[in-house]
Amino acid sequence: CLFAYEESIGYMYGTNVMDKDGISAGPVLAAYASKLYDRGLSLSQYLHSLYTKYGYHISNDSYYLCFDPPTILTIFRALRDNGYPNLCGKYEIVNVRDVTTGYDSSFEDKKSILPTDPNCQMLTFLFW
């Protein structure tokens, strides 16, 4: 079983449709809602039980657009060459994934399992 998501694009469940979209995720959600109903729970009630158990999650994703490739390279080189940051505001960065170089601090060997693209400048910081 495979479940994947991207915060702004959609959800993917299973390996039959290797794309993140609501068409394939909707029936999975409906089937789960049916199982919850059989247990006397609604999706909302179950979600609140997860909040109680694990806490709330907040995501504040944003993008900065720059159409000047030399400027983009300068920004990302500064992030890499000076060492990846340890903080994001007051929050500690616990993992760094760099799709450009193939680095991922969450793995023992520090190698990303995601495809690497040296022409795509992409960093992901996980922080608490």
N, C-alpha and C. Protein backbone atom coordinates (compact mmCIF):
# COMPACT_ATOMS: atom_id res chain seq x y z
N CYS A 1 0.85 -1.18 0.00
CA CYS A 1 0.00 0.00 0.00
C CYS A 1 0.89 1.24 0.00
N LEU A 2 0.58 2.19 -0.82
CA LEU A 2 1.35 3.42 -0.91
C LEU A 2 0.40 4.59 -0.80
N PHE A 3 0.72 5.53 0.10
CA PHE A 3 -0.06 6.76 0.21
C PHE A 3 0.92 7.91 0.11
N ALA A 4 0.66 8.84 -0.78
CA ALA A 4 1.55 9.99 -0.96
C ALA A 4 0.71 11.24 -1.07
N TYR A 5 1.30 12.37 -0.75
CA TYR A 5 0.59 13.62 -0.90
C TYR A 5 1.57 14.75 -1.20
N GLU A 6 1.03 15.79 -1.71
CA GLU A 6 1.76 17.04 -1.87
C GLU A 6 0.80 18.13 -1.44
N GLU A 7 1.25 19.01 -0.58
CA GLU A 7 0.34 19.92 0.10
C GLU A 7 -0.55 20.74 -0.83
N SER A 8 -0.10 21.04 -2.02
CA SER A 8 -0.89 21.91 -2.89
C SER A 8 -1.45 21.20 -4.11
N ILE A 9 -1.13 19.95 -4.31
CA ILE A 9 -1.51 19.28 -5.54
C ILE A 9 -2.59 18.23 -5.30
N GLY A 10 -2.38 17.30 -4.39
CA GLY A 10 -3.39 16.27 -4.19
C GLY A 10 -2.85 15.07 -3.46
N TYR A 11 -3.61 13.99 -3.54
CA TYR A 11 -3.30 12.76 -2.82
C TYR A 11 -3.22 11.58 -3.78
N MET A 12 -2.35 10.64 -3.45
CA MET A 12 -2.22 9.43 -4.25
C MET A 12 -2.32 8.25 -3.30
N TYR A 13 -3.12 7.26 -3.67
CA TYR A 13 -3.25 6.08 -2.84
C TYR A 13 -3.06 4.86 -3.73
N GLY A 14 -2.19 3.97 -3.31
CA GLY A 14 -1.96 2.75 -4.07
C GLY A 14 -1.00 2.97 -5.23
N THR A 15 -0.84 1.94 -6.02
CA THR A 15 0.10 2.03 -7.15
C THR A 15 -0.59 1.85 -8.49
N ASN A 16 -1.93 1.80 -8.50
CA ASN A 16 -2.64 1.65 -9.77
C ASN A 16 -2.62 2.94 -10.59
N VAL A 17 -2.78 4.06 -9.93
CA VAL A 17 -2.74 5.37 -10.59
C VAL A 17 -1.60 6.14 -9.95
N MET A 18 -0.47 6.21 -10.63
CA MET A 18 0.72 6.85 -10.06
C MET A 18 0.66 8.37 -10.28
N ASP A 19 -0.38 8.95 -9.75
CA ASP A 19 -0.57 10.40 -9.85
C ASP A 19 -1.33 10.83 -8.61
N LYS A 20 -1.14 12.06 -8.23
CA LYS A 20 -1.82 12.59 -7.06
C LYS A 20 -3.05 13.37 -7.54
N ASP A 21 -4.23 12.80 -7.32
CA ASP A 21 -5.44 13.51 -7.72
C ASP A 21 -6.60 13.06 -6.86
N GLY A 22 -7.65 13.85 -6.86
CA GLY A 22 -8.82 13.55 -6.05
C GLY A 22 -9.65 12.42 -6.60
N ILE A 23 -9.50 12.10 -7.89
CA ILE A 23 -10.29 11.04 -8.49
C ILE A 23 -9.95 9.70 -7.85
N SER A 24 -8.67 9.40 -7.70
CA SER A 24 -8.30 8.12 -7.09
C SER A 24 -8.38 8.16 -5.57
N ALA A 25 -8.19 9.33 -4.96
CA ALA A 25 -8.22 9.43 -3.51
C ALA A 25 -9.66 9.44 -2.98
N GLY A 26 -10.60 9.97 -3.75
CA GLY A 26 -11.99 10.08 -3.31
C GLY A 26 -12.62 8.74 -2.93
N PRO A 27 -12.53 7.72 -3.78
CA PRO A 27 -13.11 6.43 -3.40
C PRO A 27 -12.47 5.81 -2.17
N VAL A 28 -11.17 6.03 -1.99
CA VAL A 28 -10.48 5.50 -0.80
C VAL A 28 -11.04 6.19 0.45
N LEU A 29 -11.22 7.50 0.36
CA LEU A 29 -11.79 8.24 1.49
C LEU A 29 -13.22 7.77 1.76
N ALA A 30 -14.01 7.56 0.71
CA ALA A 30 -15.39 7.10 0.88
C ALA A 30 -15.43 5.72 1.54
N ALA A 31 -14.53 4.82 1.13
CA ALA A 31 -14.48 3.49 1.72
C ALA A 31 -14.10 3.57 3.20
N TYR A 32 -13.15 4.46 3.52
CA TYR A 32 -12.75 4.61 4.91
C TYR A 32 -13.88 5.21 5.74
N ALA A 33 -14.58 6.18 5.17
CA ALA A 33 -15.72 6.79 5.86
C ALA A 33 -16.77 5.73 6.16
N SER A 34 -16.98 4.80 5.23
CA SER A 34 -17.94 3.72 5.43
C SER A 34 -17.51 2.81 6.59
N LYS A 35 -16.22 2.50 6.65
CA LYS A 35 -15.72 1.66 7.75
C LYS A 35 -15.87 2.38 9.09
N LEU A 36 -15.60 3.68 9.09
CA LEU A 36 -15.76 4.45 10.32
C LEU A 36 -17.23 4.48 10.74
N TYR A 37 -18.11 4.64 9.77
CA TYR A 37 -19.54 4.67 10.05
C TYR A 37 -19.98 3.36 10.71
N ASP A 38 -19.46 2.25 10.21
CA ASP A 38 -19.76 0.95 10.80
C ASP A 38 -19.30 0.87 12.25
N ARG A 39 -18.29 1.63 12.60
CA ARG A 39 -17.78 1.67 13.99
C ARG A 39 -18.45 2.77 14.81
N GLY A 40 -19.42 3.46 14.18
CA GLY A 40 -20.15 4.50 14.89
C GLY A 40 -19.45 5.85 14.91
N LEU A 41 -18.53 6.07 13.99
CA LEU A 41 -17.78 7.32 13.93
C LEU A 41 -17.97 8.01 12.59
N SER A 42 -17.90 9.33 12.62
CA SER A 42 -17.85 10.11 11.39
C SER A 42 -16.40 10.45 11.08
N LEU A 43 -16.15 10.90 9.87
CA LEU A 43 -14.78 11.34 9.53
C LEU A 43 -14.33 12.46 10.46
N SER A 44 -15.24 13.38 10.75
CA SER A 44 -14.90 14.50 11.63
C SER A 44 -14.54 14.01 13.03
N GLN A 45 -15.32 13.08 13.56
CA GLN A 45 -15.02 12.55 14.89
C GLN A 45 -13.66 11.84 14.91
N TYR A 46 -13.39 11.08 13.87
CA TYR A 46 -12.12 10.38 13.80
C TYR A 46 -10.95 11.36 13.70
N LEU A 47 -11.12 12.39 12.90
CA LEU A 47 -10.08 13.41 12.77
C LEU A 47 -9.80 14.06 14.12
N HIS A 48 -10.85 14.36 14.87
CA HIS A 48 -10.64 14.96 16.19
C HIS A 48 -9.95 13.99 17.15
N SER A 49 -10.20 12.69 16.99
CA SER A 49 -9.48 11.72 17.83
C SER A 49 -7.99 11.71 17.49
N LEU A 50 -7.67 11.91 16.21
CA LEU A 50 -6.26 12.00 15.81
C LEU A 50 -5.62 13.25 16.39
N TYR A 51 -6.35 14.36 16.40
CA TYR A 51 -5.83 15.59 17.02
C TYR A 51 -5.53 15.36 18.49
N THR A 52 -6.44 14.65 19.17
CA THR A 52 -6.24 14.38 20.59
C THR A 52 -4.99 13.52 20.81
N LYS A 53 -4.81 12.54 19.94
CA LYS A 53 -3.69 11.62 20.10
C LYS A 53 -2.35 12.25 19.68
N TYR A 54 -2.33 12.95 18.53
CA TYR A 54 -1.06 13.41 17.95
C TYR A 54 -0.88 14.93 17.98
N GLY A 55 -1.94 15.68 18.25
CA GLY A 55 -1.85 17.13 18.20
C GLY A 55 -2.28 17.66 16.85
N TYR A 56 -2.34 18.95 16.76
CA TYR A 56 -2.75 19.61 15.52
C TYR A 56 -1.56 19.81 14.60
N HIS A 57 -1.81 19.95 13.33
CA HIS A 57 -0.77 20.19 12.34
C HIS A 57 -1.12 21.47 11.60
N ILE A 58 -0.12 22.27 11.38
CA ILE A 58 -0.33 23.48 10.60
C ILE A 58 0.71 23.52 9.50
N SER A 59 0.30 23.97 8.38
CA SER A 59 1.20 24.08 7.24
C SER A 59 1.03 25.48 6.65
N ASN A 60 2.12 26.14 6.44
CA ASN A 60 2.08 27.47 5.86
C ASN A 60 3.06 27.50 4.71
N ASP A 61 2.64 26.95 3.60
CA ASP A 61 3.50 26.86 2.44
C ASP A 61 3.41 28.14 1.63
N SER A 62 4.54 28.53 1.11
CA SER A 62 4.53 29.72 0.26
C SER A 62 5.65 29.58 -0.76
N TYR A 63 5.57 30.40 -1.76
CA TYR A 63 6.53 30.35 -2.85
C TYR A 63 7.04 31.74 -3.15
N TYR A 64 8.28 31.82 -3.50
CA TYR A 64 8.86 33.05 -3.99
C TYR A 64 9.21 32.83 -5.46
N LEU A 65 8.76 33.70 -6.31
CA LEU A 65 9.02 33.54 -7.73
C LEU A 65 10.19 34.42 -8.14
N CYS A 66 11.09 33.84 -8.87
CA CYS A 66 12.22 34.57 -9.43
C CYS A 66 12.46 34.00 -10.83
N PHE A 67 12.53 34.87 -11.79
CA PHE A 67 12.69 34.43 -13.18
C PHE A 67 14.09 34.70 -13.72
N ASP A 68 15.03 34.93 -12.82
CA ASP A 68 16.41 35.21 -13.22
C ASP A 68 17.30 34.06 -12.76
N PRO A 69 17.64 33.12 -13.66
CA PRO A 69 18.41 31.93 -13.27
C PRO A 69 19.70 32.23 -12.50
N PRO A 70 20.50 33.24 -12.85
CA PRO A 70 21.70 33.50 -12.05
C PRO A 70 21.38 33.88 -10.59
N THR A 71 20.31 34.61 -10.38
CA THR A 71 19.90 34.97 -9.01
C THR A 71 19.47 33.73 -8.25
N ILE A 72 18.72 32.87 -8.89
CA ILE A 72 18.27 31.63 -8.26
C ILE A 72 19.48 30.80 -7.83
N LEU A 73 20.45 30.64 -8.72
CA LEU A 73 21.66 29.87 -8.37
C LEU A 73 22.41 30.50 -7.21
N THR A 74 22.50 31.81 -7.19
CA THR A 74 23.19 32.51 -6.10
C THR A 74 22.51 32.23 -4.77
N ILE A 75 21.20 32.28 -4.73
CA ILE A 75 20.46 32.04 -3.49
C ILE A 75 20.68 30.61 -3.00
N PHE A 76 20.53 29.64 -3.88
CA PHE A 76 20.65 28.24 -3.45
C PHE A 76 22.10 27.88 -3.14
N ARG A 77 23.04 28.42 -3.85
CA ARG A 77 24.45 28.16 -3.52
C ARG A 77 24.78 28.69 -2.13
N ALA A 78 24.23 29.86 -1.80
CA ALA A 78 24.48 30.43 -0.46
C ALA A 78 23.92 29.51 0.62
N LEU A 79 22.76 28.93 0.37
CA LEU A 79 22.18 28.00 1.35
C LEU A 79 23.03 26.74 1.49
N ARG A 80 23.57 26.26 0.39
CA ARG A 80 24.37 25.03 0.43
C ARG A 80 25.80 25.29 0.89
N ASP A 81 26.45 26.29 0.33
CA ASP A 81 27.87 26.52 0.58
C ASP A 81 28.16 26.95 2.01
N ASN A 82 27.22 27.58 2.66
CA ASN A 82 27.41 28.02 4.03
C ASN A 82 26.86 27.01 5.02
N GLY A 83 26.52 25.84 4.54
CA GLY A 83 25.88 24.83 5.39
C GLY A 83 24.39 25.10 5.46
N TYR A 84 23.62 24.05 5.43
CA TYR A 84 22.18 24.23 5.50
C TYR A 84 21.82 24.88 6.83
N PRO A 85 20.78 25.71 6.86
CA PRO A 85 20.43 26.38 8.11
C PRO A 85 19.98 25.39 9.18
N ASN A 86 20.17 25.76 10.43
CA ASN A 86 19.75 24.95 11.57
C ASN A 86 18.41 25.39 12.14
N LEU A 87 18.03 26.62 11.82
CA LEU A 87 16.79 27.19 12.35
C LEU A 87 15.96 27.80 11.24
N CYS A 88 14.66 27.79 11.44
CA CYS A 88 13.72 28.52 10.60
C CYS A 88 12.95 29.40 11.57
N GLY A 89 13.37 30.65 11.69
CA GLY A 89 12.83 31.50 12.75
C GLY A 89 13.27 30.93 14.07
N LYS A 90 12.33 30.65 14.94
CA LYS A 90 12.66 30.07 16.25
C LYS A 90 12.59 28.55 16.26
N TYR A 91 12.30 27.94 15.12
CA TYR A 91 12.11 26.50 15.04
C TYR A 91 13.36 25.80 14.52
N GLU A 92 13.72 24.69 15.19
CA GLU A 92 14.88 23.90 14.78
C GLU A 92 14.55 23.10 13.52
N ILE A 93 15.43 23.17 12.54
CA ILE A 93 15.30 22.35 11.34
C ILE A 93 15.87 20.98 11.68
N VAL A 94 15.04 19.94 11.55
CA VAL A 94 15.46 18.61 11.96
C VAL A 94 15.91 17.75 10.77
N ASN A 95 15.45 18.07 9.56
CA ASN A 95 15.87 17.34 8.37
C ASN A 95 15.94 18.29 7.18
N VAL A 96 16.88 18.00 6.30
CA VAL A 96 17.04 18.76 5.06
C VAL A 96 17.05 17.76 3.91
N ARG A 97 16.26 18.07 2.88
CA ARG A 97 16.30 17.28 1.65
C ARG A 97 16.63 18.25 0.51
N ASP A 98 17.65 17.91 -0.25
CA ASP A 98 18.10 18.73 -1.37
C ASP A 98 17.99 17.88 -2.64
N VAL A 99 16.92 18.10 -3.39
CA VAL A 99 16.68 17.31 -4.60
C VAL A 99 17.71 17.63 -5.68
N THR A 100 18.31 18.79 -5.62
CA THR A 100 19.32 19.18 -6.61
C THR A 100 20.58 18.34 -6.48
N THR A 101 20.99 18.10 -5.25
CA THR A 101 22.26 17.38 -5.02
C THR A 101 22.07 15.92 -4.62
N GLY A 102 20.84 15.54 -4.23
CA GLY A 102 20.60 14.18 -3.79
C GLY A 102 20.86 13.95 -2.32
N TYR A 103 20.94 15.03 -1.54
CA TYR A 103 21.21 14.94 -0.11
C TYR A 103 19.89 14.84 0.66
N ASP A 104 19.87 13.99 1.69
CA ASP A 104 18.72 13.91 2.58
C ASP A 104 19.21 13.52 3.96
N SER A 105 19.17 14.46 4.89
CA SER A 105 19.72 14.22 6.22
C SER A 105 18.91 13.22 7.05
N SER A 106 17.71 12.86 6.57
CA SER A 106 16.89 11.94 7.36
C SER A 106 17.31 10.48 7.19
N PHE A 107 18.21 10.22 6.26
CA PHE A 107 18.70 8.85 6.05
C PHE A 107 20.13 8.71 6.57
N GLU A 108 20.45 7.53 7.04
CA GLU A 108 21.78 7.30 7.61
C GLU A 108 22.89 7.60 6.61
N ASP A 109 22.68 7.21 5.35
CA ASP A 109 23.72 7.44 4.34
C ASP A 109 23.64 8.83 3.71
N LYS A 110 22.66 9.63 4.16
CA LYS A 110 22.46 11.03 3.72
C LYS A 110 22.12 11.14 2.24
N LYS A 111 21.65 10.06 1.63
CA LYS A 111 21.29 10.07 0.21
C LYS A 111 19.78 10.05 0.05
N SER A 112 19.29 10.94 -0.77
CA SER A 112 17.85 11.03 -1.03
C SER A 112 17.39 9.84 -1.86
N ILE A 113 16.20 9.36 -1.56
CA ILE A 113 15.62 8.30 -2.39
C ILE A 113 14.78 8.91 -3.52
N LEU A 114 14.59 10.22 -3.48
CA LEU A 114 13.87 10.90 -4.55
C LEU A 114 14.80 11.11 -5.74
N PRO A 115 14.23 11.22 -6.92
CA PRO A 115 15.07 11.49 -8.10
C PRO A 115 15.82 12.82 -7.92
N THR A 116 17.06 12.83 -8.34
CA THR A 116 17.90 14.03 -8.26
C THR A 116 17.91 14.73 -9.61
N ASP A 117 17.82 16.04 -9.57
CA ASP A 117 17.86 16.83 -10.80
C ASP A 117 18.76 18.04 -10.58
N PRO A 118 19.97 18.01 -11.10
CA PRO A 118 20.90 19.12 -10.88
C PRO A 118 20.43 20.43 -11.53
N ASN A 119 19.44 20.37 -12.39
CA ASN A 119 18.92 21.58 -13.03
C ASN A 119 17.71 22.17 -12.32
N CYS A 120 17.28 21.52 -11.26
CA CYS A 120 16.11 21.97 -10.51
C CYS A 120 16.54 22.35 -9.10
N GLN A 121 16.37 23.59 -8.74
CA GLN A 121 16.77 24.04 -7.41
C GLN A 121 15.61 23.82 -6.44
N MET A 122 15.75 22.78 -5.59
CA MET A 122 14.68 22.49 -4.65
C MET A 122 15.24 21.98 -3.34
N LEU A 123 14.88 22.68 -2.26
CA LEU A 123 15.25 22.29 -0.91
C LEU A 123 13.97 22.13 -0.09
N THR A 124 13.96 21.13 0.79
CA THR A 124 12.86 20.96 1.73
C THR A 124 13.46 20.95 3.13
N PHE A 125 12.90 21.78 4.00
CA PHE A 125 13.33 21.82 5.40
C PHE A 125 12.17 21.32 6.25
N LEU A 126 12.45 20.34 7.12
CA LEU A 126 11.46 19.86 8.07
C LEU A 126 11.83 20.43 9.42
N PHE A 127 10.89 21.09 10.04
CA PHE A 127 11.16 21.67 11.35
C PHE A 127 9.94 21.52 12.24
N TRP A 128 10.18 21.58 13.54
CA TRP A 128 9.09 21.43 14.51
C TRP A 128 8.77 22.76 15.12
